[in-house]
PDB file of all heavy atoms in Angstrom:
ATOM      1  N   GLU A   1     -54.847-135.292 -58.498  1.00  0.00           N
ATOM      2  CA  GLU A   1     -55.613-135.262 -57.221  1.00  0.00           C
ATOM      3  C   GLU A   1     -55.727-136.582 -56.601  1.00  0.00           C
ATOM      4  O   GLU A   1     -55.974-137.542 -57.262  1.00  0.00           O
ATOM      5  CB  GLU A   1     -57.061-134.750 -57.615  1.00  0.00           C
ATOM      6  CG  GLU A   1     -57.960-134.678 -56.318  1.00  0.00           C
ATOM      7  CD  GLU A   1     -59.405-134.220 -56.716  1.00  0.00           C
ATOM      8  OE1 GLU A   1     -59.614-133.752 -57.805  1.00  0.00           O
ATOM      9  OE2 GLU A   1     -60.231-134.257 -55.747  1.00  0.00           O
ATOM     10  N   VAL A   2     -55.418-136.647 -55.337  1.00  0.00           N
ATOM     11  CA  VAL A   2     -55.445-137.904 -54.592  1.00  0.00           C
ATOM     12  C   VAL A   2     -56.748-138.066 -53.912  1.00  0.00           C
ATOM     13  O   VAL A   2     -57.321-137.041 -53.442  1.00  0.00           O
ATOM     14  CB  VAL A   2     -54.289-137.988 -53.599  1.00  0.00           C
ATOM     15  CG1 VAL A   2     -54.397-139.235 -52.768  1.00  0.00           C
ATOM     16  CG2 VAL A   2     -52.890-137.903 -54.281  1.00  0.00           C
ATOM     17  N   ASN A   3     -57.316-139.266 -53.902  1.00  0.00           N
ATOM     18  CA  ASN A   3     -58.589-139.484 -53.312  1.00  0.00           C
ATOM     19  C   ASN A   3     -59.760-138.678 -53.875  1.00  0.00           C
ATOM     20  O   ASN A   3     -60.550-138.055 -53.136  1.00  0.00           O
ATOM     21  CB  ASN A   3     -58.591-139.291 -51.817  1.00  0.00           C
ATOM     22  CG  ASN A   3     -57.643-140.319 -51.093  1.00  0.00           C
ATOM     23  OD1 ASN A   3     -57.555-141.442 -51.594  1.00  0.00           O
ATOM     24  ND2 ASN A   3     -57.212-139.966 -49.942  1.00  0.00           N
ATOM     25  N   PRO A   4     -59.936-138.671 -55.201  1.00  0.00           N
ATOM     26  CA  PRO A   4     -60.995-138.012 -55.772  1.00  0.00           C
ATOM     27  C   PRO A   4     -62.319-138.679 -55.458  1.00  0.00           C
ATOM     28  O   PRO A   4     -62.390-139.885 -55.181  1.00  0.00           O
ATOM     29  CB  PRO A   4     -60.694-137.993 -57.238  1.00  0.00           C
ATOM     30  CG  PRO A   4     -59.946-139.223 -57.459  1.00  0.00           C
ATOM     31  CD  PRO A   4     -59.072-139.369 -56.220  1.00  0.00           C
ATOM     32  N   ASP A   5     -63.505-138.044 -55.582  1.00  0.00           N
ATOM     33  CA  ASP A   5     -64.728-138.650 -55.484  1.00  0.00           C
ATOM     34  C   ASP A   5     -65.138-139.330 -56.745  1.00  0.00           C
ATOM     35  O   ASP A   5     -65.343-138.799 -57.715  1.00  0.00           O
ATOM     36  CB  ASP A   5     -65.794-137.531 -55.133  1.00  0.00           C
ATOM     37  CG  ASP A   5     -67.171-138.148 -54.829  1.00  0.00           C
ATOM     38  OD1 ASP A   5     -67.309-139.392 -54.796  1.00  0.00           O
ATOM     39  OD2 ASP A   5     -68.132-137.385 -54.684  1.00  0.00           O
ATOM     40  N   LEU A   6     -65.105-140.763 -56.726  1.00  0.00           N
ATOM     41  CA  LEU A   6     -65.355-141.538 -57.831  1.00  0.00           C
ATOM     42  C   LEU A   6     -66.727-142.216 -57.826  1.00  0.00           C
ATOM     43  O   LEU A   6     -67.134-142.790 -58.804  1.00  0.00           O
ATOM     44  CB  LEU A   6     -64.291-142.596 -57.986  1.00  0.00           C
ATOM     45  CG  LEU A   6     -62.912-142.143 -58.025  1.00  0.00           C
ATOM     46  CD1 LEU A   6     -61.997-143.282 -58.135  1.00  0.00           C
ATOM     47  CD2 LEU A   6     -62.689-141.170 -59.221  1.00  0.00           C
ATOM     48  N   GLY A   7     -67.403-142.046 -56.718  1.00  0.00           N
ATOM     49  CA  GLY A   7     -68.769-142.773 -56.637  1.00  0.00           C
ATOM     50  C   GLY A   7     -68.525-144.033 -55.795  1.00  0.00           C
ATOM     51  O   GLY A   7     -67.452-144.588 -55.577  1.00  0.00           O
ATOM     52  N   GLU A   8     -69.688-144.515 -55.359  1.00  0.00           N
ATOM     53  CA  GLU A   8     -69.652-145.720 -54.414  1.00  0.00           C
ATOM     54  C   GLU A   8     -69.107-146.941 -55.075  1.00  0.00           C
ATOM     55  O   GLU A   8     -69.400-147.311 -56.145  1.00  0.00           O
ATOM     56  CB  GLU A   8     -71.097-146.035 -54.012  1.00  0.00           C
ATOM     57  CG  GLU A   8     -71.229-147.101 -52.933  1.00  0.00           C
ATOM     58  CD  GLU A   8     -72.679-147.332 -52.441  1.00  0.00           C
ATOM     59  OE1 GLU A   8     -73.542-146.593 -52.948  1.00  0.00           O
ATOM     60  OE2 GLU A   8     -72.900-148.283 -51.621  1.00  0.00           O
ATOM     61  N   GLY A   9     -68.115-147.439 -54.343  1.00  0.00           N
ATOM     62  CA  GLY A   9     -67.485-148.837 -54.725  1.00  0.00           C
ATOM     63  C   GLY A   9     -66.439-148.706 -55.835  1.00  0.00           C
ATOM     64  O   GLY A   9     -65.736-149.710 -56.091  1.00  0.00           O
ATOM     65  N   VAL A  10     -66.221-147.514 -56.443  1.00  0.00           N
ATOM     66  CA  VAL A  10     -65.350-147.423 -57.608  1.00  0.00           C
ATOM     67  C   VAL A  10     -63.847-147.633 -57.178  1.00  0.00           C
ATOM     68  O   VAL A  10     -63.079-148.376 -57.756  1.00  0.00           O
ATOM     69  CB  VAL A  10     -65.550-146.113 -58.360  1.00  0.00           C
ATOM     70  CG1 VAL A  10     -64.433-145.989 -59.389  1.00  0.00           C
ATOM     71  CG2 VAL A  10     -66.895-146.136 -59.046  1.00  0.00           C
ATOM     72  N   GLU A  11     -63.480-146.994 -56.057  1.00  0.00           N
ATOM     73  CA  GLU A  11     -62.102-147.083 -55.592  1.00  0.00           C
ATOM     74  C   GLU A  11     -61.735-148.483 -55.294  1.00  0.00           C
ATOM     75  O   GLU A  11     -60.705-149.021 -55.605  1.00  0.00           O
ATOM     76  CB  GLU A  11     -61.877-146.197 -54.383  1.00  0.00           C
ATOM     77  CG  GLU A  11     -60.503-146.315 -53.834  1.00  0.00           C
ATOM     78  CD  GLU A  11     -60.125-145.391 -52.681  1.00  0.00           C
ATOM     79  OE1 GLU A  11     -60.811-144.376 -52.530  1.00  0.00           O
ATOM     80  OE2 GLU A  11     -59.234-145.826 -51.870  1.00  0.00           O
ATOM     81  N   GLU A  12     -62.683-149.237 -54.586  1.00  0.00           N
ATOM     82  CA  GLU A  12     -62.430-150.633 -54.166  1.00  0.00           C
ATOM     83  C   GLU A  12     -62.235-151.470 -55.508  1.00  0.00           C
ATOM     84  O   GLU A  12     -61.409-152.365 -55.526  1.00  0.00           O
ATOM     85  CB  GLU A  12     -63.562-151.167 -53.386  1.00  0.00           C
ATOM     86  CG  GLU A  12     -63.676-150.601 -51.981  1.00  0.00           C
ATOM     87  CD  GLU A  12     -64.170-149.159 -51.978  1.00  0.00           C
ATOM     88  OE1 GLU A  12     -64.792-148.705 -53.020  1.00  0.00           O
ATOM     89  OE2 GLU A  12     -64.051-148.524 -50.979  1.00  0.00           O
ATOM     90  N   GLN A  13     -63.035-151.197 -56.491  1.00  0.00           N
ATOM     91  CA  GLN A  13     -62.920-151.914 -57.773  1.00  0.00           C
ATOM     92  C   GLN A  13     -61.567-151.704 -58.422  1.00  0.00           C
ATOM     93  O   GLN A  13     -60.940-152.539 -58.953  1.00  0.00           O
ATOM     94  CB  GLN A  13     -64.087-151.604 -58.687  1.00  0.00           C
ATOM     95  CG  GLN A  13     -64.120-152.456 -59.985  1.00  0.00           C
ATOM     96  CD  GLN A  13     -65.334-152.115 -60.817  1.00  0.00           C
ATOM     97  OE1 GLN A  13     -65.668-150.980 -61.072  1.00  0.00           O
ATOM     98  NE2 GLN A  13     -65.995-153.184 -61.336  1.00  0.00           N
ATOM     99  N   VAL A  14     -61.171-150.363 -58.509  1.00  0.00           N
ATOM    100  CA  VAL A  14     -59.920-150.025 -59.116  1.00  0.00           C
ATOM    101  C   VAL A  14     -58.776-150.717 -58.381  1.00  0.00           C
ATOM    102  O   VAL A  14     -57.902-151.324 -59.070  1.00  0.00           O
ATOM    103  CB  VAL A  14     -59.729-148.521 -59.111  1.00  0.00           C
ATOM    104  CG1 VAL A  14     -58.273-148.098 -59.441  1.00  0.00           C
ATOM    105  CG2 VAL A  14     -60.668-147.833 -60.030  1.00  0.00           C
ATOM    106  N   ARG A  15     -58.786-150.758 -57.091  1.00  0.00           N
ATOM    107  CA  ARG A  15     -57.741-151.315 -56.309  1.00  0.00           C
ATOM    108  C   ARG A  15     -57.726-152.896 -56.449  1.00  0.00           C
ATOM    109  O   ARG A  15     -56.638-153.399 -56.629  1.00  0.00           O
ATOM    110  CB  ARG A  15     -57.981-151.031 -54.789  1.00  0.00           C
ATOM    111  CG  ARG A  15     -57.709-149.486 -54.476  1.00  0.00           C
ATOM    112  CD  ARG A  15     -58.028-149.203 -53.049  1.00  0.00           C
ATOM    113  NE  ARG A  15     -56.987-149.784 -52.166  1.00  0.00           N
ATOM    114  CZ  ARG A  15     -57.234-150.609 -51.310  1.00  0.00           C
ATOM    115  NH1 ARG A  15     -58.378-151.121 -50.995  1.00  0.00           N
ATOM    116  NH2 ARG A  15     -56.186-151.018 -50.513  1.00  0.00           N
ATOM    117  N   ASP A  16     -58.832-153.477 -56.628  1.00  0.00           N
ATOM    118  CA  ASP A  16     -58.924-154.866 -56.870  1.00  0.00           C
ATOM    119  C   ASP A  16     -58.375-155.226 -58.257  1.00  0.00           C
ATOM    120  O   ASP A  16     -57.578-156.186 -58.420  1.00  0.00           O
ATOM    121  CB  ASP A  16     -60.343-155.402 -56.767  1.00  0.00           C
ATOM    122  CG  ASP A  16     -60.541-156.839 -57.137  1.00  0.00           C
ATOM    123  OD1 ASP A  16     -60.000-157.712 -56.536  1.00  0.00           O
ATOM    124  OD2 ASP A  16     -61.243-157.075 -58.171  1.00  0.00           O
ATOM    125  N   TYR A  17     -58.795-154.434 -59.211  1.00  0.00           N
ATOM    126  CA  TYR A  17     -58.295-154.669 -60.628  1.00  0.00           C
ATOM    127  C   TYR A  17     -56.787-154.518 -60.641  1.00  0.00           C
ATOM    128  O   TYR A  17     -56.086-155.222 -61.377  1.00  0.00           O
ATOM    129  CB  TYR A  17     -58.969-153.673 -61.604  1.00  0.00           C
ATOM    130  CG  TYR A  17     -60.376-153.992 -61.973  1.00  0.00           C
ATOM    131  CD1 TYR A  17     -60.994-155.125 -61.462  1.00  0.00           C
ATOM    132  CD2 TYR A  17     -61.029-153.153 -62.877  1.00  0.00           C
ATOM    133  CE1 TYR A  17     -62.277-155.394 -61.889  1.00  0.00           C
ATOM    134  CE2 TYR A  17     -62.402-153.445 -63.261  1.00  0.00           C
ATOM    135  CZ  TYR A  17     -63.056-154.570 -62.699  1.00  0.00           C
ATOM    136  OH  TYR A  17     -64.328-154.904 -63.109  1.00  0.00           O
ATOM    137  N   ALA A  18     -56.235-153.458 -60.040  1.00  0.00           N
ATOM    138  CA  ALA A  18     -54.852-153.188 -60.042  1.00  0.00           C
ATOM    139  C   ALA A  18     -53.986-154.354 -59.600  1.00  0.00           C
ATOM    140  O   ALA A  18     -52.970-154.727 -60.191  1.00  0.00           O
ATOM    141  CB  ALA A  18     -54.541-151.918 -59.258  1.00  0.00           C
ATOM    142  N   VAL A  19     -54.427-154.943 -58.440  1.00  0.00           N
ATOM    143  CA  VAL A  19     -53.685-156.081 -57.837  1.00  0.00           C
ATOM    144  C   VAL A  19     -53.835-157.330 -58.825  1.00  0.00           C
ATOM    145  O   VAL A  19     -52.857-157.998 -58.997  1.00  0.00           O
ATOM    146  CB  VAL A  19     -54.140-156.366 -56.461  1.00  0.00           C
ATOM    147  CG1 VAL A  19     -53.565-157.702 -55.913  1.00  0.00           C
ATOM    148  CG2 VAL A  19     -53.788-155.313 -55.509  1.00  0.00           C
ATOM    149  N   ARG A  20     -55.002-157.569 -59.392  1.00  0.00           N
ATOM    150  CA  ARG A  20     -55.251-158.672 -60.239  1.00  0.00           C
ATOM    151  C   ARG A  20     -54.354-158.554 -61.490  1.00  0.00           C
ATOM    152  O   ARG A  20     -53.781-159.568 -61.929  1.00  0.00           O
ATOM    153  CB  ARG A  20     -56.710-158.835 -60.619  1.00  0.00           C
ATOM    154  CG  ARG A  20     -57.560-159.280 -59.392  1.00  0.00           C
ATOM    155  CD  ARG A  20     -59.035-159.318 -59.859  1.00  0.00           C
ATOM    156  NE  ARG A  20     -59.348-160.008 -60.977  1.00  0.00           N
ATOM    157  CZ  ARG A  20     -60.459-159.928 -61.738  1.00  0.00           C
ATOM    158  NH1 ARG A  20     -61.445-159.092 -61.290  1.00  0.00           N
ATOM    159  NH2 ARG A  20     -60.729-160.692 -62.730  1.00  0.00           N
ATOM    160  N   ILE A  21     -54.330-157.371 -62.023  1.00  0.00           N
ATOM    161  CA  ILE A  21     -53.481-157.215 -63.232  1.00  0.00           C
ATOM    162  C   ILE A  21     -51.984-157.341 -62.881  1.00  0.00           C
ATOM    163  O   ILE A  21     -51.178-157.984 -63.654  1.00  0.00           O
ATOM    164  CB  ILE A  21     -53.782-155.825 -63.884  1.00  0.00           C
ATOM    165  CG1 ILE A  21     -55.225-155.824 -64.410  1.00  0.00           C
ATOM    166  CG2 ILE A  21     -52.772-155.464 -64.996  1.00  0.00           C
ATOM    167  CD1 ILE A  21     -55.752-154.479 -64.779  1.00  0.00           C
ATOM    168  N   PHE A  22     -51.563-156.775 -61.755  1.00  0.00           N
ATOM    169  CA  PHE A  22     -50.182-156.940 -61.321  1.00  0.00           C
ATOM    170  C   PHE A  22     -49.799-158.370 -61.139  1.00  0.00           C
ATOM    171  O   PHE A  22     -48.680-158.816 -61.661  1.00  0.00           O
ATOM    172  CB  PHE A  22     -50.048-156.207 -60.023  1.00  0.00           C
ATOM    173  CG  PHE A  22     -48.693-156.152 -59.411  1.00  0.00           C
ATOM    174  CD1 PHE A  22     -47.724-155.266 -59.926  1.00  0.00           C
ATOM    175  CD2 PHE A  22     -48.312-156.983 -58.341  1.00  0.00           C
ATOM    176  CE1 PHE A  22     -46.452-155.137 -59.323  1.00  0.00           C
ATOM    177  CE2 PHE A  22     -47.050-156.872 -57.751  1.00  0.00           C
ATOM    178  CZ  PHE A  22     -46.081-155.998 -58.281  1.00  0.00           C
ATOM    179  N   ASN A  23     -50.684-159.186 -60.532  1.00  0.00           N
ATOM    180  CA  ASN A  23     -50.439-160.576 -60.377  1.00  0.00           C
ATOM    181  C   ASN A  23     -50.416-161.336 -61.714  1.00  0.00           C
ATOM    182  O   ASN A  23     -49.579-162.262 -61.939  1.00  0.00           O
ATOM    183  CB  ASN A  23     -51.418-161.282 -59.486  1.00  0.00           C
ATOM    184  CG  ASN A  23     -51.185-160.858 -58.025  1.00  0.00           C
ATOM    185  OD1 ASN A  23     -50.043-160.539 -57.571  1.00  0.00           O
ATOM    186  ND2 ASN A  23     -52.223-160.847 -57.180  1.00  0.00           N
ATOM    187  N   ALA A  24     -51.327-160.949 -62.595  1.00  0.00           N
ATOM    188  CA  ALA A  24     -51.434-161.677 -63.894  1.00  0.00           C
ATOM    189  C   ALA A  24     -50.210-161.511 -64.714  1.00  0.00           C
ATOM    190  O   ALA A  24     -49.881-162.446 -65.493  1.00  0.00           O
ATOM    191  CB  ALA A  24     -52.639-161.090 -64.697  1.00  0.00           C
ATOM    192  N   VAL A  25     -49.498-160.413 -64.593  1.00  0.00           N
ATOM    193  CA  VAL A  25     -48.254-160.226 -65.422  1.00  0.00           C
ATOM    194  C   VAL A  25     -47.053-160.680 -64.662  1.00  0.00           C
ATOM    195  O   VAL A  25     -45.905-160.567 -65.093  1.00  0.00           O
ATOM    196  CB  VAL A  25     -48.071-158.803 -65.858  1.00  0.00           C
ATOM    197  CG1 VAL A  25     -49.207-158.216 -66.697  1.00  0.00           C
ATOM    198  CG2 VAL A  25     -47.877-157.763 -64.644  1.00  0.00           C
ATOM    199  N   ASP A  26     -47.244-161.259 -63.480  1.00  0.00           N
ATOM    200  CA  ASP A  26     -46.234-161.774 -62.575  1.00  0.00           C
ATOM    201  C   ASP A  26     -45.379-160.608 -62.050  1.00  0.00           C
ATOM    202  O   ASP A  26     -44.145-160.694 -61.899  1.00  0.00           O
ATOM    203  CB  ASP A  26     -45.325-162.804 -63.379  1.00  0.00           C
ATOM    204  CG  ASP A  26     -44.379-163.543 -62.457  1.00  0.00           C
ATOM    205  OD1 ASP A  26     -44.812-163.836 -61.309  1.00  0.00           O
ATOM    206  OD2 ASP A  26     -43.265-163.939 -62.900  1.00  0.00           O
ATOM    207  N   GLY A  27     -46.082-159.606 -61.604  1.00  0.00           N
ATOM    208  CA  GLY A  27     -45.497-158.397 -61.054  1.00  0.00           C
ATOM    209  C   GLY A  27     -44.708-158.673 -59.727  1.00  0.00           C
ATOM    210  O   GLY A  27     -45.085-159.618 -59.002  1.00  0.00           O
ATOM    211  N   ASN A  28     -43.718-157.839 -59.437  1.00  0.00           N
ATOM    212  CA  ASN A  28     -43.084-157.892 -58.082  1.00  0.00           C
ATOM    213  C   ASN A  28     -42.446-156.570 -57.824  1.00  0.00           C
ATOM    214  O   ASN A  28     -41.865-155.975 -58.742  1.00  0.00           O
ATOM    215  CB  ASN A  28     -42.016-158.982 -58.135  1.00  0.00           C
ATOM    216  CG  ASN A  28     -41.415-159.311 -56.778  1.00  0.00           C
ATOM    217  OD1 ASN A  28     -40.625-158.584 -56.239  1.00  0.00           O
ATOM    218  ND2 ASN A  28     -41.890-160.343 -56.168  1.00  0.00           N
ATOM    219  N   GLY A  29     -42.578-156.144 -56.560  1.00  0.00           N
ATOM    220  CA  GLY A  29     -41.933-154.923 -56.192  1.00  0.00           C
ATOM    221  C   GLY A  29     -42.900-153.724 -56.299  1.00  0.00           C
ATOM    222  O   GLY A  29     -43.547-153.345 -55.292  1.00  0.00           O
ATOM    223  N   LEU A  30     -43.042-153.208 -57.520  1.00  0.00           N
ATOM    224  CA  LEU A  30     -43.795-152.042 -57.602  1.00  0.00           C
ATOM    225  C   LEU A  30     -44.375-151.877 -59.032  1.00  0.00           C
ATOM    226  O   LEU A  30     -43.842-152.406 -59.996  1.00  0.00           O
ATOM    227  CB  LEU A  30     -43.087-150.677 -57.207  1.00  0.00           C
ATOM    228  CG  LEU A  30     -42.028-150.221 -58.249  1.00  0.00           C
ATOM    229  CD1 LEU A  30     -41.636-148.721 -57.946  1.00  0.00           C
ATOM    230  CD2 LEU A  30     -40.710-151.003 -58.218  1.00  0.00           C
ATOM    231  N   ALA A  31     -45.493-151.226 -59.181  1.00  0.00           N
ATOM    232  CA  ALA A  31     -46.089-150.844 -60.450  1.00  0.00           C
ATOM    233  C   ALA A  31     -47.175-149.854 -60.180  1.00  0.00           C
ATOM    234  O   ALA A  31     -47.720-149.694 -59.119  1.00  0.00           O
ATOM    235  CB  ALA A  31     -46.626-152.100 -61.188  1.00  0.00           C
ATOM    236  N   ARG A  32     -47.441-149.040 -61.237  1.00  0.00           N
ATOM    237  CA  ARG A  32     -48.649-148.235 -61.293  1.00  0.00           C
ATOM    238  C   ARG A  32     -49.599-148.650 -62.311  1.00  0.00           C
ATOM    239  O   ARG A  32     -49.149-148.935 -63.473  1.00  0.00           O
ATOM    240  CB  ARG A  32     -48.156-146.744 -61.565  1.00  0.00           C
ATOM    241  CG  ARG A  32     -49.251-145.702 -61.259  1.00  0.00           C
ATOM    242  CD  ARG A  32     -48.994-144.302 -61.886  1.00  0.00           C
ATOM    243  NE  ARG A  32     -49.104-144.405 -63.293  1.00  0.00           N
ATOM    244  CZ  ARG A  32     -48.051-144.023 -64.114  1.00  0.00           C
ATOM    245  NH1 ARG A  32     -46.894-143.587 -63.684  1.00  0.00           N
ATOM    246  NH2 ARG A  32     -48.248-144.079 -65.479  1.00  0.00           N
TER     247      ARG A  32
END
């Protein structure tokens, strides 16, 4: 399911964490 109801602020936190982790491992191009 895309865009599930996660509660206030949760999606923003997930998106922030995803980019921070991607950068921490020196990611480039794509990742999930």
